[in-house]
Each structure stands twice: as structure tokens, then as C-alpha cells.
Amino acid sequence: MAIKFNYNKTSLQALNKQLKVRLNALPTLKNKESALRIEVKKARAEADRLNEELEKRKQEGSALLRMWSEFEPDLLAIKDVSLSVKKIAGVKTPVLDNIEFELRPFSIFSSPSWFLEGITILKAMARLALERDVFARKTELLDFARKKTTQKVNLYEKVQIPGYEEAIMKIKRFMEDEENLSKAAQKIVKTRMEEKLEEALA
């Protein structure tokens, strides 16, 4: 990235200000990136754990397949899912608060005795599936933010900070050269004037 600047004090001050902003922001960005990396790892591990738990429950449930064929599929439904938002390293992430189930009335006496246990199993599986989905979404959001932060850290570290430092150095060199040339010119003028004065007095 080419940094635009002029060879003067105003430009030098502006570049120094921009450099200072980036140098001050860099440690904070690095800390955020590190925190996000840890949170992504934790969220991914939790999503995987919930997925394994769900698969385990499904396998346990498939052993009772003959019984499940008696179960009425519209007996239990999810009525509402309430989510809240939790900020992690400045990133808004979803949190599963509550699941409201709707249970269609049925006769406990005329239905198979295991229906109540079946309802409990289905509720637990639904909660696991929703929690897994929430953690998968949380992982996506945190990972996206981590990538963005990493890009910004790289931009500052590898492009902008060296660019500003180089531009500042060029301006300083130019101003030093200009000052040296000015001093040399003054010296020449002074020497010539002294020579002319000597000639006039001679």
C-alpha cells in the first residue's frame, strides 16, 4: 500500500500521528485475535461434543425402533425457542435460553406406557440439536471475527506500520538534505561576500 505524503513538516506530523494510532492499537488487536482464537476452539469443541452426544442418543433410540413406530409424530412440537446475545471479545454471539414445547393432549391410559419417557427423550434430543446448532453458529461468528482481526493485525504489522515508518524516514532525509543544502548555500554566499569585501578593500 503506497502511502501518500508531501515532503513537509505538516505531512510528517500527520504520518507520525497515524503511525502512533496503529502502534497503540496493535497490542489490543493481537490480544483480541488471541482471545477469539481460544473462544473459537472452545465453541467448536462444545459443538462437536453436543453432536457426539446427539448421535449417541440417536443410536440408543434406534435400538427402540419398533417402539418408536407406535409413537405419534405430531404429539410433540417445538413452540418457541428463545435466544439471547452474549458479547465475546466484542462479538455478539447467540445463547440458547429456553425451548418451549407444545404437547398435544393424549390419553396416558390408552397410549403405550413408554410414551412419557419417549417425550422426555425427544425433548432432550431436541435441546441437544438446538444447542449444537447454536454453538455451530457461535463458532462461525467468532471465526469470521477472528479472521477479520488477523487481517487487520497483518495489515498494520506488515503493510501500514512499515509504510508509515518508511515515509517518515524519507521526509526526514529530504528535510535534512534541504537543511544541509541551505547551510552550504549560505556558506558559499558568505564566502563570496567576504571575498568581494576583501577585493573592495584591497
C-alpha atoms as a PDB file:
ATOM      1  CA  MET A   1       0.000   0.000   0.000  1.00  0.00           C
ATOM      2  CA  ALA A   2       1.548   3.254  -1.138  1.00  0.00           C
ATOM      3  CA  ILE A   3       1.215   5.981   1.471  1.00  0.00           C
ATOM      4  CA  LYS A   4       0.627   9.419   0.030  1.00  0.00           C
ATOM      5  CA  PHE A   5       2.620  12.223   1.597  1.00  0.00           C
ATOM      6  CA  ASN A   6       4.302  15.554   0.933  1.00  0.00           C
ATOM      7  CA  TYR A   7       7.841  16.493   1.826  1.00  0.00           C
ATOM      8  CA  ASN A   8       6.965  18.964   4.596  1.00  0.00           C
ATOM      9  CA  LYS A   9       6.501  19.235   8.379  1.00  0.00           C
ATOM     10  CA  THR A  10       2.680  19.073   8.207  1.00  0.00           C
ATOM     11  CA  SER A  11       2.806  15.772   6.343  1.00  0.00           C
ATOM     12  CA  LEU A  12       5.446  14.486   8.758  1.00  0.00           C
ATOM     13  CA  GLN A  13       3.236  15.310  11.769  1.00  0.00           C
ATOM     14  CA  ALA A  14       0.192  13.656  10.139  1.00  0.00           C
ATOM     15  CA  LEU A  15       2.184  10.478   9.372  1.00  0.00           C
ATOM     16  CA  ASN A  16       3.606  10.363  12.911  1.00  0.00           C
ATOM     17  CA  LYS A  17       0.049  10.639  14.280  1.00  0.00           C
ATOM     18  CA  GLN A  18      -1.205   7.790  12.041  1.00  0.00           C
ATOM     19  CA  LEU A  19       1.785   5.628  12.975  1.00  0.00           C
ATOM     20  CA  LYS A  20       1.184   6.233  16.694  1.00  0.00           C
ATOM     21  CA  VAL A  21      -2.506   5.239  16.344  1.00  0.00           C
ATOM     22  CA  ARG A  22      -1.537   1.941  14.693  1.00  0.00           C
ATOM     23  CA  LEU A  23       1.287   1.185  17.120  1.00  0.00           C
ATOM     24  CA  ASN A  24      -1.084   1.776  20.063  1.00  0.00           C
ATOM     25  CA  ALA A  25      -3.887  -0.318  18.514  1.00  0.00           C
ATOM     26  CA  LEU A  26      -1.690  -3.283  17.553  1.00  0.00           C
ATOM     27  CA  PRO A  27      -1.308  -4.879  21.044  1.00  0.00           C
ATOM     28  CA  THR A  28      -5.088  -4.608  21.607  1.00  0.00           C
ATOM     29  CA  LEU A  29      -5.781  -6.213  18.224  1.00  0.00           C
ATOM     30  CA  LYS A  30      -3.301  -9.017  18.961  1.00  0.00           C
ATOM     31  CA  ASN A  31      -4.979  -9.671  22.333  1.00  0.00           C
ATOM     32  CA  LYS A  32      -8.402  -9.721  20.651  1.00  0.00           C
ATOM     33  CA  GLU A  33      -7.142 -12.143  17.994  1.00  0.00           C
ATOM     34  CA  SER A  34      -5.702 -14.421  20.680  1.00  0.00           C
ATOM     35  CA  ALA A  35      -8.931 -14.305  22.736  1.00  0.00           C
ATOM     36  CA  LEU A  36     -11.042 -15.040  19.638  1.00  0.00           C
ATOM     37  CA  ARG A  37      -8.802 -17.964  18.673  1.00  0.00           C
ATOM     38  CA  ILE A  38      -9.345 -19.514  22.143  1.00  0.00           C
ATOM     39  CA  GLU A  39     -13.116 -18.864  22.032  1.00  0.00           C
ATOM     40  CA  VAL A  40     -13.416 -20.401  18.531  1.00  0.00           C
ATOM     41  CA  LYS A  41     -11.619 -23.514  19.796  1.00  0.00           C
ATOM     42  CA  LYS A  42     -13.914 -23.761  22.839  1.00  0.00           C
ATOM     43  CA  ALA A  43     -17.122 -23.209  20.799  1.00  0.00           C
ATOM     44  CA  ARG A  44     -16.035 -25.754  18.167  1.00  0.00           C
ATOM     45  CA  ALA A  45     -15.195 -28.331  20.856  1.00  0.00           C
ATOM     46  CA  GLU A  46     -18.587 -27.791  22.516  1.00  0.00           C
ATOM     47  CA  ALA A  47     -20.427 -28.102  19.157  1.00  0.00           C
ATOM     48  CA  ASP A  48     -18.543 -31.369  18.479  1.00  0.00           C
ATOM     49  CA  ARG A  49     -19.310 -32.681  21.979  1.00  0.00           C
ATOM     50  CA  LEU A  50     -23.023 -31.905  21.560  1.00  0.00           C
ATOM     51  CA  ASN A  51     -23.034 -33.539  18.130  1.00  0.00           C
ATOM     52  CA  GLU A  52     -21.435 -36.712  19.526  1.00  0.00           C
ATOM     53  CA  GLU A  53     -23.935 -36.735  22.393  1.00  0.00           C
ATOM     54  CA  LEU A  54     -26.811 -36.352  19.911  1.00  0.00           C
ATOM     55  CA  GLU A  55     -25.503 -39.163  17.708  1.00  0.00           C
ATOM     56  CA  LYS A  56     -25.151 -41.379  20.801  1.00  0.00           C
ATOM     57  CA  ARG A  57     -28.767 -40.641  21.796  1.00  0.00           C
ATOM     58  CA  LYS A  58     -29.935 -41.379  18.227  1.00  0.00           C
ATOM     59  CA  GLN A  59     -28.195 -44.755  18.288  1.00  0.00           C
ATOM     60  CA  GLU A  60     -29.724 -45.543  21.671  1.00  0.00           C
ATOM     61  CA  GLY A  61     -33.109 -44.530  20.269  1.00  0.00           C
ATOM     62  CA  SER A  62     -32.716 -46.642  17.130  1.00  0.00           C
ATOM     63  CA  ALA A  63     -32.465 -49.723  19.369  1.00  0.00           C
ATOM     64  CA  LEU A  64     -36.078 -48.984  20.334  1.00  0.00           C
ATOM     65  CA  LEU A  65     -37.146 -48.565  16.682  1.00  0.00           C
ATOM     66  CA  ARG A  66     -40.132 -50.939  16.964  1.00  0.00           C
ATOM     67  CA  MET A  67     -41.498 -48.910  19.843  1.00  0.00           C
ATOM     68  CA  TRP A  68     -40.902 -45.567  18.062  1.00  0.00           C
ATOM     69  CA  SER A  69     -43.123 -46.774  15.190  1.00  0.00           C
ATOM     70  CA  GLU A  70     -46.038 -46.631  17.667  1.00  0.00           C
ATOM     71  CA  PHE A  71     -45.163 -43.046  18.641  1.00  0.00           C
ATOM     72  CA  GLU A  72     -47.328 -40.314  17.146  1.00  0.00           C
ATOM     73  CA  PRO A  73     -45.002 -37.818  15.375  1.00  0.00           C
ATOM     74  CA  ASP A  74     -47.300 -34.800  15.926  1.00  0.00           C
ATOM     75  CA  LEU A  75     -47.545 -35.460  19.668  1.00  0.00           C
ATOM     76  CA  LEU A  76     -44.655 -33.130  20.475  1.00  0.00           C
ATOM     77  CA  ALA A  77     -43.642 -29.931  18.695  1.00  0.00           C
ATOM     78  CA  ILE A  78     -41.327 -27.001  19.382  1.00  0.00           C
ATOM     79  CA  LYS A  79     -43.498 -23.970  20.026  1.00  0.00           C
ATOM     80  CA  ASP A  80     -40.818 -21.355  20.656  1.00  0.00           C
ATOM     81  CA  VAL A  81     -37.063 -21.007  21.029  1.00  0.00           C
ATOM     82  CA  SER A  82     -35.699 -18.049  22.979  1.00  0.00           C
ATOM     83  CA  LEU A  83     -32.171 -16.862  22.374  1.00  0.00           C
ATOM     84  CA  SER A  84     -30.154 -14.101  23.968  1.00  0.00           C
ATOM     85  CA  VAL A  85     -26.948 -12.387  22.901  1.00  0.00           C
ATOM     86  CA  LYS A  86     -23.616 -12.581  24.689  1.00  0.00           C
ATOM     87  CA  LYS A  87     -20.633 -10.485  23.696  1.00  0.00           C
ATOM     88  CA  ILE A  88     -17.336 -12.347  23.485  1.00  0.00           C
ATOM     89  CA  ALA A  89     -14.280 -10.198  22.680  1.00  0.00           C
ATOM     90  CA  GLY A  90     -16.621  -7.610  21.179  1.00  0.00           C
ATOM     91  CA  VAL A  91     -18.508 -10.160  19.030  1.00  0.00           C
ATOM     92  CA  LYS A  92     -22.244 -10.721  19.521  1.00  0.00           C
ATOM     93  CA  THR A  93     -22.908 -14.452  19.830  1.00  0.00           C
ATOM     94  CA  PRO A  94     -26.164 -16.379  20.371  1.00  0.00           C
ATOM     95  CA  VAL A  95     -27.012 -18.177  23.613  1.00  0.00           C
ATOM     96  CA  LEU A  96     -29.857 -20.702  23.872  1.00  0.00           C
ATOM     97  CA  ASP A  97     -32.045 -19.652  26.799  1.00  0.00           C
ATOM     98  CA  ASN A  98     -35.192 -21.708  26.605  1.00  0.00           C
ATOM     99  CA  ILE A  99     -37.170 -24.079  24.421  1.00  0.00           C
ATOM    100  CA  GLU A 100     -40.915 -24.106  24.739  1.00  0.00           C
ATOM    101  CA  PHE A 101     -42.515 -27.380  23.704  1.00  0.00           C
ATOM    102  CA  GLU A 102     -46.116 -27.965  22.743  1.00  0.00           C
ATOM    103  CA  LEU A 103     -47.534 -31.303  23.780  1.00  0.00           C
ATOM    104  CA  ARG A 104     -50.735 -32.455  22.138  1.00  0.00           C
ATOM    105  CA  PRO A 105     -53.132 -33.926  24.694  1.00  0.00           C
ATOM    106  CA  PHE A 106     -53.159 -37.727  24.739  1.00  0.00           C
ATOM    107  CA  SER A 107     -54.529 -40.409  26.989  1.00  0.00           C
ATOM    108  CA  ILE A 108     -51.945 -41.840  29.342  1.00  0.00           C
ATOM    109  CA  PHE A 109     -54.124 -44.920  29.876  1.00  0.00           C
ATOM    110  CA  SER A 110     -54.779 -45.831  26.220  1.00  0.00           C
ATOM    111  CA  SER A 111     -51.254 -44.955  24.966  1.00  0.00           C
ATOM    112  CA  PRO A 112     -48.230 -47.235  25.449  1.00  0.00           C
ATOM    113  CA  SER A 113     -46.668 -46.898  28.890  1.00  0.00           C
ATOM    114  CA  TRP A 114     -43.338 -45.700  27.500  1.00  0.00           C
ATOM    115  CA  PHE A 115     -44.836 -42.566  25.789  1.00  0.00           C
ATOM    116  CA  LEU A 116     -43.947 -40.280  28.732  1.00  0.00           C
ATOM    117  CA  GLU A 117     -40.357 -41.495  28.680  1.00  0.00           C
ATOM    118  CA  GLY A 118     -40.351 -41.114  24.871  1.00  0.00           C
ATOM    119  CA  ILE A 119     -41.454 -37.485  25.225  1.00  0.00           C
ATOM    120  CA  THR A 120     -38.622 -36.847  27.717  1.00  0.00           C
ATOM    121  CA  ILE A 121     -36.115 -38.463  25.314  1.00  0.00           C
ATOM    122  CA  LEU A 122     -37.370 -36.360  22.366  1.00  0.00           C
ATOM    123  CA  LYS A 123     -37.199 -33.140  24.401  1.00  0.00           C
ATOM    124  CA  ALA A 124     -33.613 -33.924  25.420  1.00  0.00           C
ATOM    125  CA  MET A 125     -32.646 -34.696  21.797  1.00  0.00           C
ATOM    126  CA  ALA A 126     -34.306 -31.517  20.526  1.00  0.00           C
ATOM    127  CA  ARG A 127     -32.415 -29.475  23.145  1.00  0.00           C
ATOM    128  CA  LEU A 128     -29.131 -31.137  22.124  1.00  0.00           C
ATOM    129  CA  ALA A 129     -29.781 -30.493  18.424  1.00  0.00           C
ATOM    130  CA  LEU A 130     -30.633 -26.830  19.047  1.00  0.00           C
ATOM    131  CA  GLU A 131     -27.661 -26.297  21.377  1.00  0.00           C
ATOM    132  CA  ARG A 132     -25.368 -27.875  18.771  1.00  0.00           C
ATOM    133  CA  ASP A 133     -26.761 -25.541  16.072  1.00  0.00           C
ATOM    134  CA  VAL A 134     -26.329 -22.501  18.351  1.00  0.00           C
ATOM    135  CA  PHE A 135     -22.713 -23.450  19.093  1.00  0.00           C
ATOM    136  CA  ALA A 136     -22.064 -24.084  15.383  1.00  0.00           C
ATOM    137  CA  ARG A 137     -23.381 -20.566  14.619  1.00  0.00           C
ATOM    138  CA  LYS A 138     -21.348 -19.132  17.502  1.00  0.00           C
ATOM    139  CA  THR A 139     -18.228 -20.800  16.056  1.00  0.00           C
ATOM    140  CA  GLU A 140     -18.928 -19.280  12.605  1.00  0.00           C
ATOM    141  CA  LEU A 141     -19.391 -15.762  14.019  1.00  0.00           C
ATOM    142  CA  LEU A 142     -16.296 -15.940  16.221  1.00  0.00           C
ATOM    143  CA  ASP A 143     -14.168 -17.440  13.447  1.00  0.00           C
ATOM    144  CA  PHE A 144     -15.276 -14.732  10.997  1.00  0.00           C
ATOM    145  CA  ALA A 145     -14.346 -12.038  13.554  1.00  0.00           C
ATOM    146  CA  ARG A 146     -11.017 -13.773  14.226  1.00  0.00           C
ATOM    147  CA  LYS A 147     -10.169 -13.814  10.504  1.00  0.00           C
ATOM    148  CA  LYS A 148     -11.052 -10.122  10.190  1.00  0.00           C
ATOM    149  CA  THR A 149      -8.897  -9.289  13.232  1.00  0.00           C
ATOM    150  CA  THR A 150      -5.990 -11.363  11.860  1.00  0.00           C
ATOM    151  CA  GLN A 151      -6.268  -9.469   8.556  1.00  0.00           C
ATOM    152  CA  LYS A 152      -6.151  -6.154  10.421  1.00  0.00           C
ATOM    153  CA  VAL A 153      -3.144  -7.255  12.518  1.00  0.00           C
ATOM    154  CA  ASN A 154      -1.324  -8.311   9.320  1.00  0.00           C
ATOM    155  CA  LEU A 155      -2.290  -5.071   7.576  1.00  0.00           C
ATOM    156  CA  TYR A 156      -0.916  -2.994  10.451  1.00  0.00           C
ATOM    157  CA  GLU A 157       2.178  -5.128  11.101  1.00  0.00           C
ATOM    158  CA  LYS A 158       3.268  -5.968   7.569  1.00  0.00           C
ATOM    159  CA  VAL A 159       1.953  -3.082   5.466  1.00  0.00           C
ATOM    160  CA  GLN A 160       0.873   0.108   7.194  1.00  0.00           C
ATOM    161  CA  ILE A 161       3.378   0.454  10.069  1.00  0.00           C
ATOM    162  CA  PRO A 162       6.423  -0.254   7.828  1.00  0.00           C
ATOM    163  CA  GLY A 163       4.885   2.023   5.159  1.00  0.00           C
ATOM    164  CA  TYR A 164       4.445   4.929   7.573  1.00  0.00           C
ATOM    165  CA  GLU A 165       7.935   4.399   9.029  1.00  0.00           C
ATOM    166  CA  GLU A 166       9.446   4.435   5.536  1.00  0.00           C
ATOM    167  CA  ALA A 167       7.520   7.571   4.535  1.00  0.00           C
ATOM    168  CA  ILE A 168       8.581   9.352   7.765  1.00  0.00           C
ATOM    169  CA  MET A 169      12.216   8.393   7.117  1.00  0.00           C
ATOM    170  CA  LYS A 170      12.020   9.728   3.520  1.00  0.00           C
ATOM    171  CA  ILE A 171      10.568  13.060   4.694  1.00  0.00           C
ATOM    172  CA  LYS A 172      13.196  13.396   7.460  1.00  0.00           C
ATOM    173  CA  ARG A 173      16.023  12.644   4.998  1.00  0.00           C
ATOM    174  CA  PHE A 174      14.603  15.114   2.485  1.00  0.00           C
ATOM    175  CA  MET A 175      14.308  17.825   5.165  1.00  0.00           C
ATOM    176  CA  GLU A 176      17.857  17.112   6.425  1.00  0.00           C
ATOM    177  CA  ASP A 177      19.211  17.270   2.851  1.00  0.00           C
ATOM    178  CA  GLU A 178      17.309  20.512   2.278  1.00  0.00           C
ATOM    179  CA  GLU A 179      18.734  21.967   5.512  1.00  0.00           C
ATOM    180  CA  ASN A 180      22.287  20.863   4.585  1.00  0.00           C
ATOM    181  CA  LEU A 181      21.931  22.377   1.101  1.00  0.00           C
ATOM    182  CA  SER A 182      20.621  25.594   2.614  1.00  0.00           C
ATOM    183  CA  LYS A 183      23.576  25.745   5.041  1.00  0.00           C
ATOM    184  CA  ALA A 184      26.026  25.008   2.215  1.00  0.00           C
ATOM    185  CA  ALA A 185      24.447  27.715   0.042  1.00  0.00           C
ATOM    186  CA  GLN A 186      24.641  30.197   2.911  1.00  0.00           C
ATOM    187  CA  LYS A 187      28.299  29.299   3.429  1.00  0.00           C
ATOM    188  CA  ILE A 188      29.056  29.829  -0.267  1.00  0.00           C
ATOM    189  CA  VAL A 189      27.237  33.181  -0.283  1.00  0.00           C
ATOM    190  CA  LYS A 190      29.066  34.242   2.899  1.00  0.00           C
ATOM    191  CA  THR A 191      32.467  33.211   1.454  1.00  0.00           C
ATOM    192  CA  ARG A 192      31.769  35.102  -1.806  1.00  0.00           C
ATOM    193  CA  MET A 193      30.668  38.186   0.074  1.00  0.00           C
ATOM    194  CA  GLU A 194      33.841  38.068   2.214  1.00  0.00           C
ATOM    195  CA  GLU A 195      35.943  37.669  -0.967  1.00  0.00           C
ATOM    196  CA  LYS A 196      34.192  40.645  -2.611  1.00  0.00           C
ATOM    197  CA  LEU A 197      34.634  42.703   0.560  1.00  0.00           C
ATOM    198  CA  GLU A 198      38.374  41.843   0.611  1.00  0.00           C
ATOM    199  CA  GLU A 199      38.681  42.771  -3.088  1.00  0.00           C
ATOM    200  CA  ALA A 200      36.916  46.059  -2.491  1.00  0.00           C
ATOM    201  CA  LEU A 201      39.188  46.885   0.458  1.00  0.00           C
ATOM    202  CA  ALA A 202      42.366  45.893  -1.423  1.00  0.00           C
END
